[in-house]
N, C-alpha and C. Protein backbone atom coordinates (compact mmCIF):
# COMPACT_ATOMS: atom_id res chain seq x y z
N MET A 1 0.85 -1.18 0.00
CA MET A 1 0.00 0.00 0.00
C MET A 1 0.90 1.24 0.00
N LEU A 2 0.64 2.13 -0.94
CA LEU A 2 1.37 3.40 -0.99
C LEU A 2 0.55 4.50 -0.34
N TYR A 3 1.18 5.23 0.56
CA TYR A 3 0.53 6.34 1.25
C TYR A 3 1.08 7.66 0.71
N PHE A 4 0.46 8.74 1.13
CA PHE A 4 0.88 10.08 0.73
C PHE A 4 2.40 10.23 0.85
N GLU A 5 2.95 9.78 1.97
CA GLU A 5 4.38 9.93 2.23
C GLU A 5 5.25 9.14 1.25
N ASP A 6 4.69 8.13 0.62
CA ASP A 6 5.48 7.27 -0.28
C ASP A 6 5.67 7.87 -1.67
N PHE A 7 4.92 8.91 -2.01
CA PHE A 7 5.05 9.56 -3.31
C PHE A 7 6.06 10.70 -3.19
N SER A 8 6.94 10.82 -4.18
CA SER A 8 7.97 11.86 -4.18
C SER A 8 7.83 12.73 -5.41
N GLU A 9 7.95 14.04 -5.22
CA GLU A 9 7.93 14.94 -6.37
C GLU A 9 9.07 14.55 -7.31
N GLY A 10 8.75 14.46 -8.59
CA GLY A 10 9.72 14.04 -9.59
C GLY A 10 9.69 12.56 -9.90
N GLU A 11 8.98 11.79 -9.10
CA GLU A 11 8.86 10.34 -9.31
C GLU A 11 8.01 10.05 -10.55
N THR A 12 8.38 9.00 -11.28
CA THR A 12 7.66 8.61 -12.49
C THR A 12 7.22 7.16 -12.39
N PHE A 13 5.98 6.92 -12.81
CA PHE A 13 5.44 5.56 -12.92
C PHE A 13 5.23 5.28 -14.41
N GLU A 14 5.90 4.25 -14.90
CA GLU A 14 5.69 3.82 -16.28
C GLU A 14 4.46 2.91 -16.28
N LEU A 15 3.46 3.28 -17.06
CA LEU A 15 2.22 2.51 -17.11
C LEU A 15 2.24 1.56 -18.30
N SER A 16 1.21 0.77 -18.43
CA SER A 16 1.15 -0.24 -19.47
C SER A 16 0.84 0.37 -20.84
N SER A 17 0.69 -0.49 -21.82
CA SER A 17 0.37 -0.09 -23.19
C SER A 17 -0.90 -0.79 -23.63
N GLN A 18 -1.60 -0.14 -24.55
CA GLN A 18 -2.78 -0.76 -25.15
C GLN A 18 -2.94 -0.25 -26.57
N THR A 19 -3.32 -1.16 -27.45
CA THR A 19 -3.59 -0.82 -28.85
C THR A 19 -5.08 -0.56 -29.01
N LEU A 20 -5.42 0.58 -29.60
CA LEU A 20 -6.82 0.92 -29.86
C LEU A 20 -7.21 0.40 -31.24
N THR A 21 -8.12 -0.53 -31.28
CA THR A 21 -8.58 -1.08 -32.55
C THR A 21 -9.65 -0.19 -33.17
N ARG A 22 -9.87 -0.37 -34.44
CA ARG A 22 -10.92 0.36 -35.15
C ARG A 22 -12.27 0.12 -34.47
N ALA A 23 -12.56 -1.14 -34.15
CA ALA A 23 -13.84 -1.49 -33.52
C ALA A 23 -14.00 -0.81 -32.16
N GLU A 24 -12.94 -0.76 -31.35
CA GLU A 24 -13.00 -0.11 -30.04
C GLU A 24 -13.24 1.39 -30.17
N ILE A 25 -12.58 2.00 -31.15
CA ILE A 25 -12.75 3.45 -31.37
C ILE A 25 -14.20 3.76 -31.72
N ILE A 26 -14.77 2.99 -32.62
CA ILE A 26 -16.15 3.23 -33.04
C ILE A 26 -17.12 2.93 -31.91
N GLU A 27 -16.91 1.83 -31.20
CA GLU A 27 -17.80 1.47 -30.09
C GLU A 27 -17.82 2.55 -29.02
N PHE A 28 -16.64 3.07 -28.65
CA PHE A 28 -16.60 4.15 -27.66
C PHE A 28 -17.34 5.38 -28.19
N ALA A 29 -17.07 5.74 -29.44
CA ALA A 29 -17.69 6.94 -30.02
C ALA A 29 -19.20 6.81 -30.11
N GLU A 30 -19.70 5.64 -30.46
CA GLU A 30 -21.15 5.46 -30.56
C GLU A 30 -21.83 5.75 -29.23
N GLN A 31 -21.18 5.39 -28.14
CA GLN A 31 -21.78 5.59 -26.83
C GLN A 31 -21.48 6.96 -26.23
N TRP A 32 -20.27 7.48 -26.41
CA TRP A 32 -19.84 8.64 -25.63
C TRP A 32 -19.47 9.88 -26.43
N ASP A 33 -19.14 9.76 -27.70
CA ASP A 33 -18.67 10.92 -28.48
C ASP A 33 -18.99 10.70 -29.96
N PRO A 34 -20.29 10.70 -30.31
CA PRO A 34 -20.71 10.31 -31.66
C PRO A 34 -20.50 11.39 -32.73
N GLN A 35 -19.29 11.88 -32.83
CA GLN A 35 -18.96 12.80 -33.91
C GLN A 35 -18.56 11.97 -35.13
N PRO A 36 -18.87 12.46 -36.33
CA PRO A 36 -18.65 11.65 -37.54
C PRO A 36 -17.23 11.10 -37.71
N PHE A 37 -16.22 11.88 -37.37
CA PHE A 37 -14.83 11.44 -37.57
C PHE A 37 -14.39 10.38 -36.56
N HIS A 38 -15.24 10.08 -35.55
CA HIS A 38 -14.97 9.00 -34.62
C HIS A 38 -15.80 7.75 -34.95
N LEU A 39 -16.67 7.86 -35.93
CA LEU A 39 -17.62 6.78 -36.22
C LEU A 39 -17.29 5.94 -37.45
N GLY A 40 -16.45 6.42 -38.31
CA GLY A 40 -16.11 5.62 -39.49
C GLY A 40 -15.18 6.34 -40.42
N GLU A 41 -14.50 5.59 -41.26
CA GLU A 41 -13.53 6.12 -42.20
C GLU A 41 -14.14 7.18 -43.12
N ASP A 42 -15.30 6.90 -43.67
CA ASP A 42 -15.90 7.81 -44.65
C ASP A 42 -16.25 9.15 -44.03
N HIS A 43 -16.70 9.13 -42.79
CA HIS A 43 -17.09 10.38 -42.12
C HIS A 43 -15.88 11.28 -41.89
N GLY A 44 -14.76 10.68 -41.61
CA GLY A 44 -13.58 11.46 -41.27
C GLY A 44 -12.94 12.17 -42.45
N LYS A 45 -13.17 11.69 -43.65
CA LYS A 45 -12.53 12.28 -44.82
C LYS A 45 -13.03 13.70 -45.11
N ASP A 46 -14.22 14.04 -44.65
CA ASP A 46 -14.74 15.38 -44.86
C ASP A 46 -14.34 16.33 -43.73
N ALA A 47 -13.65 15.83 -42.77
CA ALA A 47 -13.27 16.63 -41.61
C ALA A 47 -11.80 17.02 -41.74
N VAL A 48 -11.30 17.62 -40.74
CA VAL A 48 -9.91 18.05 -40.69
C VAL A 48 -8.98 16.83 -40.55
N PHE A 49 -9.51 15.68 -40.15
CA PHE A 49 -8.72 14.47 -39.98
C PHE A 49 -8.75 13.64 -41.26
N ASP A 50 -7.69 12.89 -41.47
CA ASP A 50 -7.59 12.03 -42.65
C ASP A 50 -8.09 10.63 -42.29
N GLY A 51 -9.41 10.49 -42.14
CA GLY A 51 -9.99 9.20 -41.80
C GLY A 51 -10.39 9.12 -40.34
N LEU A 52 -10.66 7.90 -39.90
CA LEU A 52 -11.14 7.63 -38.55
C LEU A 52 -10.06 7.96 -37.51
N VAL A 53 -10.47 8.65 -36.45
CA VAL A 53 -9.57 8.92 -35.32
C VAL A 53 -10.33 8.66 -34.02
N ALA A 54 -9.60 8.30 -32.99
CA ALA A 54 -10.20 8.05 -31.68
C ALA A 54 -10.61 9.36 -31.03
N SER A 55 -11.66 9.29 -30.24
CA SER A 55 -12.07 10.43 -29.44
C SER A 55 -10.98 10.74 -28.41
N GLY A 56 -10.73 12.02 -28.20
CA GLY A 56 -9.81 12.40 -27.14
C GLY A 56 -10.29 11.92 -25.79
N LEU A 57 -11.62 11.87 -25.63
CA LEU A 57 -12.18 11.35 -24.38
C LEU A 57 -11.82 9.88 -24.19
N HIS A 58 -11.76 9.13 -25.29
CA HIS A 58 -11.37 7.72 -25.24
C HIS A 58 -9.93 7.60 -24.73
N THR A 59 -9.07 8.44 -25.27
CA THR A 59 -7.67 8.43 -24.86
C THR A 59 -7.54 8.81 -23.39
N LEU A 60 -8.30 9.82 -22.96
CA LEU A 60 -8.29 10.25 -21.55
C LEU A 60 -8.79 9.12 -20.65
N CYS A 61 -9.87 8.47 -21.04
CA CYS A 61 -10.40 7.36 -20.24
C CYS A 61 -9.41 6.21 -20.15
N LEU A 62 -8.74 5.90 -21.26
CA LEU A 62 -7.75 4.82 -21.26
C LEU A 62 -6.61 5.16 -20.30
N GLY A 63 -6.10 6.38 -20.37
CA GLY A 63 -5.02 6.78 -19.46
C GLY A 63 -5.47 6.79 -18.01
N SER A 64 -6.70 7.24 -17.77
CA SER A 64 -7.23 7.25 -16.41
C SER A 64 -7.33 5.84 -15.86
N ARG A 65 -7.78 4.92 -16.70
CA ARG A 65 -7.87 3.53 -16.25
C ARG A 65 -6.49 2.98 -15.88
N MET A 66 -5.50 3.25 -16.72
CA MET A 66 -4.14 2.78 -16.42
C MET A 66 -3.68 3.35 -15.09
N MET A 67 -3.89 4.65 -14.89
CA MET A 67 -3.48 5.31 -13.65
C MET A 67 -4.17 4.67 -12.45
N ILE A 68 -5.46 4.43 -12.56
CA ILE A 68 -6.23 3.88 -11.45
C ILE A 68 -5.82 2.44 -11.14
N THR A 69 -5.79 1.59 -12.17
CA THR A 69 -5.53 0.17 -11.92
C THR A 69 -4.07 -0.11 -11.57
N GLU A 70 -3.15 0.71 -12.05
CA GLU A 70 -1.73 0.42 -11.86
C GLU A 70 -1.07 1.20 -10.73
N VAL A 71 -1.69 2.30 -10.30
CA VAL A 71 -1.09 3.11 -9.23
C VAL A 71 -2.10 3.38 -8.12
N MET A 72 -3.21 3.98 -8.46
CA MET A 72 -4.15 4.44 -7.42
C MET A 72 -4.78 3.30 -6.63
N ASN A 73 -5.09 2.19 -7.29
CA ASN A 73 -5.69 1.07 -6.56
C ASN A 73 -4.68 0.37 -5.66
N GLU A 74 -3.40 0.71 -5.80
CA GLU A 74 -2.36 0.16 -4.94
C GLU A 74 -1.97 1.17 -3.87
N SER A 75 -2.75 2.23 -3.74
CA SER A 75 -2.42 3.30 -2.80
C SER A 75 -3.60 3.57 -1.87
N ALA A 76 -3.37 4.47 -0.94
CA ALA A 76 -4.42 4.89 -0.01
C ALA A 76 -5.25 6.00 -0.66
N ASN A 77 -5.70 5.73 -1.86
CA ASN A 77 -6.46 6.70 -2.66
C ASN A 77 -7.80 6.99 -1.99
N MET A 78 -8.10 8.27 -1.79
CA MET A 78 -9.35 8.68 -1.17
C MET A 78 -10.23 9.46 -2.16
N GLY A 79 -9.84 9.49 -3.42
CA GLY A 79 -10.63 10.17 -4.44
C GLY A 79 -9.84 11.26 -5.14
N GLY A 80 -10.51 11.90 -6.08
CA GLY A 80 -9.87 12.94 -6.85
C GLY A 80 -10.54 14.29 -6.65
N LYS A 81 -9.76 15.34 -6.82
CA LYS A 81 -10.29 16.71 -6.73
C LYS A 81 -10.54 17.31 -8.10
N GLY A 82 -9.94 16.73 -9.13
CA GLY A 82 -10.17 17.28 -10.45
C GLY A 82 -9.10 16.89 -11.45
N ILE A 83 -9.43 17.15 -12.70
CA ILE A 83 -8.51 16.95 -13.82
C ILE A 83 -8.47 18.28 -14.56
N THR A 84 -7.27 18.81 -14.76
CA THR A 84 -7.12 20.10 -15.45
C THR A 84 -6.09 19.98 -16.56
N ASP A 85 -5.96 21.04 -17.30
CA ASP A 85 -4.93 21.14 -18.34
C ASP A 85 -4.91 19.93 -19.27
N ILE A 86 -6.08 19.50 -19.70
CA ILE A 86 -6.18 18.38 -20.63
C ILE A 86 -5.83 18.88 -22.02
N SER A 87 -4.84 18.24 -22.64
CA SER A 87 -4.43 18.62 -23.99
C SER A 87 -4.39 17.38 -24.88
N PHE A 88 -5.01 17.50 -26.04
CA PHE A 88 -4.96 16.45 -27.06
C PHE A 88 -3.94 16.94 -28.09
N HIS A 89 -2.75 16.33 -28.09
CA HIS A 89 -1.65 16.84 -28.91
C HIS A 89 -1.75 16.46 -30.38
N ARG A 90 -2.30 15.30 -30.63
CA ARG A 90 -2.54 14.88 -32.02
C ARG A 90 -3.53 13.74 -32.01
N PRO A 91 -4.22 13.50 -33.15
CA PRO A 91 -5.22 12.43 -33.19
C PRO A 91 -4.58 11.04 -33.06
N VAL A 92 -5.37 10.12 -32.50
CA VAL A 92 -4.96 8.72 -32.39
C VAL A 92 -5.70 7.94 -33.47
N GLU A 93 -4.95 7.24 -34.29
CA GLU A 93 -5.52 6.46 -35.39
C GLU A 93 -5.72 5.01 -34.96
N PRO A 94 -6.58 4.29 -35.68
CA PRO A 94 -6.79 2.87 -35.37
C PRO A 94 -5.48 2.09 -35.42
N GLU A 95 -5.36 1.15 -34.51
CA GLU A 95 -4.23 0.23 -34.38
C GLU A 95 -2.97 0.89 -33.83
N GLU A 96 -3.08 2.10 -33.32
CA GLU A 96 -1.93 2.71 -32.65
C GLU A 96 -1.86 2.18 -31.22
N THR A 97 -0.66 1.93 -30.75
CA THR A 97 -0.44 1.48 -29.39
C THR A 97 -0.06 2.67 -28.54
N LEU A 98 -0.80 2.86 -27.44
CA LEU A 98 -0.56 3.97 -26.53
C LEU A 98 0.02 3.45 -25.22
N THR A 99 0.97 4.20 -24.69
CA THR A 99 1.61 3.87 -23.41
C THR A 99 1.45 5.06 -22.48
N GLY A 100 1.19 4.78 -21.21
CA GLY A 100 1.02 5.84 -20.23
C GLY A 100 2.24 6.04 -19.36
N ARG A 101 2.37 7.29 -18.91
CA ARG A 101 3.40 7.64 -17.94
C ARG A 101 2.76 8.60 -16.94
N LEU A 102 3.05 8.41 -15.68
CA LEU A 102 2.48 9.23 -14.62
C LEU A 102 3.63 9.84 -13.82
N ASP A 103 3.68 11.18 -13.80
CA ASP A 103 4.71 11.89 -13.07
C ASP A 103 4.10 12.58 -11.86
N VAL A 104 4.76 12.47 -10.72
CA VAL A 104 4.34 13.18 -9.51
C VAL A 104 4.97 14.57 -9.60
N THR A 105 4.12 15.61 -9.64
CA THR A 105 4.66 16.96 -9.81
C THR A 105 4.63 17.79 -8.54
N GLU A 106 3.72 17.46 -7.61
CA GLU A 106 3.61 18.26 -6.39
C GLU A 106 2.87 17.48 -5.31
N LYS A 107 3.21 17.77 -4.06
CA LYS A 107 2.53 17.18 -2.90
C LYS A 107 2.26 18.27 -1.89
N THR A 108 1.07 18.19 -1.28
CA THR A 108 0.72 19.15 -0.22
C THR A 108 -0.01 18.41 0.88
N ALA A 109 0.51 18.46 2.09
CA ALA A 109 -0.18 17.88 3.24
C ALA A 109 -1.32 18.84 3.60
N THR A 110 -2.55 18.37 3.48
CA THR A 110 -3.72 19.23 3.68
C THR A 110 -4.45 18.97 4.99
N HIS A 111 -4.12 17.86 5.62
CA HIS A 111 -4.86 17.42 6.80
C HIS A 111 -3.98 16.38 7.50
N PRO A 112 -4.12 16.19 8.81
CA PRO A 112 -3.30 15.17 9.48
C PRO A 112 -3.49 13.76 8.92
N GLU A 113 -4.64 13.50 8.28
CA GLU A 113 -4.91 12.15 7.78
C GLU A 113 -4.81 12.01 6.26
N ARG A 114 -4.54 13.12 5.55
CA ARG A 114 -4.50 13.03 4.09
C ARG A 114 -3.72 14.20 3.49
N GLY A 115 -3.42 14.04 2.22
CA GLY A 115 -2.74 15.11 1.49
C GLY A 115 -3.10 15.03 0.02
N ASP A 116 -2.79 16.08 -0.72
CA ASP A 116 -3.03 16.13 -2.16
C ASP A 116 -1.75 15.81 -2.90
N VAL A 117 -1.89 15.00 -3.93
CA VAL A 117 -0.77 14.70 -4.82
C VAL A 117 -1.20 15.10 -6.22
N ILE A 118 -0.37 15.88 -6.89
CA ILE A 118 -0.66 16.29 -8.27
C ILE A 118 0.16 15.41 -9.20
N PHE A 119 -0.55 14.77 -10.12
CA PHE A 119 0.06 13.89 -11.11
C PHE A 119 -0.10 14.47 -12.50
N GLU A 120 0.89 14.27 -13.35
CA GLU A 120 0.80 14.61 -14.76
C GLU A 120 0.76 13.29 -15.53
N LEU A 121 -0.34 13.05 -16.23
CA LEU A 121 -0.49 11.86 -17.06
C LEU A 121 -0.11 12.22 -18.49
N THR A 122 0.72 11.40 -19.11
CA THR A 122 1.08 11.58 -20.51
C THR A 122 0.86 10.26 -21.23
N MET A 123 0.17 10.32 -22.37
CA MET A 123 -0.02 9.15 -23.22
C MET A 123 0.78 9.37 -24.49
N THR A 124 1.57 8.36 -24.87
CA THR A 124 2.41 8.45 -26.06
C THR A 124 2.19 7.26 -26.98
N THR A 125 2.57 7.44 -28.24
CA THR A 125 2.51 6.36 -29.21
C THR A 125 3.82 5.57 -29.15
N SER A 126 3.89 4.49 -29.92
CA SER A 126 5.08 3.65 -29.88
C SER A 126 6.33 4.38 -30.37
N ASP A 127 6.16 5.45 -31.16
CA ASP A 127 7.33 6.23 -31.59
C ASP A 127 7.68 7.34 -30.61
N GLY A 128 6.94 7.40 -29.48
CA GLY A 128 7.25 8.36 -28.43
C GLY A 128 6.55 9.70 -28.55
N SER A 129 5.71 9.89 -29.56
CA SER A 129 5.04 11.18 -29.67
C SER A 129 3.84 11.25 -28.73
N ALA A 130 3.73 12.38 -28.03
CA ALA A 130 2.65 12.56 -27.06
C ALA A 130 1.33 12.80 -27.79
N VAL A 131 0.28 12.11 -27.33
CA VAL A 131 -1.06 12.33 -27.87
C VAL A 131 -1.98 12.99 -26.85
N LEU A 132 -1.64 12.88 -25.56
CA LEU A 132 -2.49 13.45 -24.52
C LEU A 132 -1.64 13.77 -23.30
N SER A 133 -2.01 14.86 -22.63
CA SER A 133 -1.47 15.14 -21.30
C SER A 133 -2.60 15.72 -20.46
N ALA A 134 -2.56 15.44 -19.18
CA ALA A 134 -3.60 15.92 -18.26
C ALA A 134 -3.03 15.93 -16.84
N THR A 135 -3.52 16.88 -16.05
CA THR A 135 -3.09 17.01 -14.67
C THR A 135 -4.22 16.56 -13.75
N TYR A 136 -3.90 15.65 -12.84
CA TYR A 136 -4.86 15.09 -11.88
C TYR A 136 -4.47 15.52 -10.47
N VAL A 137 -5.46 15.92 -9.68
CA VAL A 137 -5.23 16.20 -8.27
C VAL A 137 -5.95 15.10 -7.48
N SER A 138 -5.17 14.30 -6.75
CA SER A 138 -5.70 13.17 -6.01
C SER A 138 -5.49 13.34 -4.52
N ILE A 139 -6.43 12.80 -3.75
CA ILE A 139 -6.34 12.83 -2.29
C ILE A 139 -5.81 11.47 -1.84
N LEU A 140 -4.70 11.48 -1.12
CA LEU A 140 -4.09 10.25 -0.64
C LEU A 140 -4.05 10.25 0.88
N GLY A 141 -4.42 9.11 1.46
CA GLY A 141 -4.33 8.96 2.90
C GLY A 141 -2.90 8.95 3.37
N ARG A 142 -2.67 9.49 4.55
CA ARG A 142 -1.35 9.49 5.15
C ARG A 142 -1.13 8.19 5.91
N ARG A 143 0.12 7.84 6.06
CA ARG A 143 0.47 6.60 6.75
C ARG A 143 -0.04 6.67 8.19
N PRO A 144 -0.80 5.65 8.62
CA PRO A 144 -1.30 5.65 10.00
C PRO A 144 -0.13 5.55 10.98
N ASP A 145 -0.30 6.19 12.14
CA ASP A 145 0.74 6.11 13.17
C ASP A 145 0.85 4.67 13.65
N ALA A 146 2.06 4.23 13.79
CA ALA A 146 2.28 2.84 14.22
C ALA A 146 2.05 2.70 15.72
């Protein structure tokens, strides 16, 4: 179990990778972001994108899941205060593999039993180009007194 005290400013967590298939991109878009360029190849050709691209929300959700399952669920996570500075750096195309990285940028002890940790999530493609970045403020429990 990781507590507030176990996180260090400047620390990096390398997260897993996942390939977004054409079917997954369309399925997500049908339910959550039904814009034409997320729904099929033909729709995207009339847009600023050259064909089908994943929703930025899909990329954000994927990164959030990686962060939660690989770091936050192994910590004294007490919830989140918000997500800010969300940037979609470039579109994600079908069959691209995305990898997450989580950087600890700041810590503030806010209460005797908890503190805030600010994380920067970055999602990159296999060639290392960033497709998404976002800042998360999470509440972490402090280590109980022994």
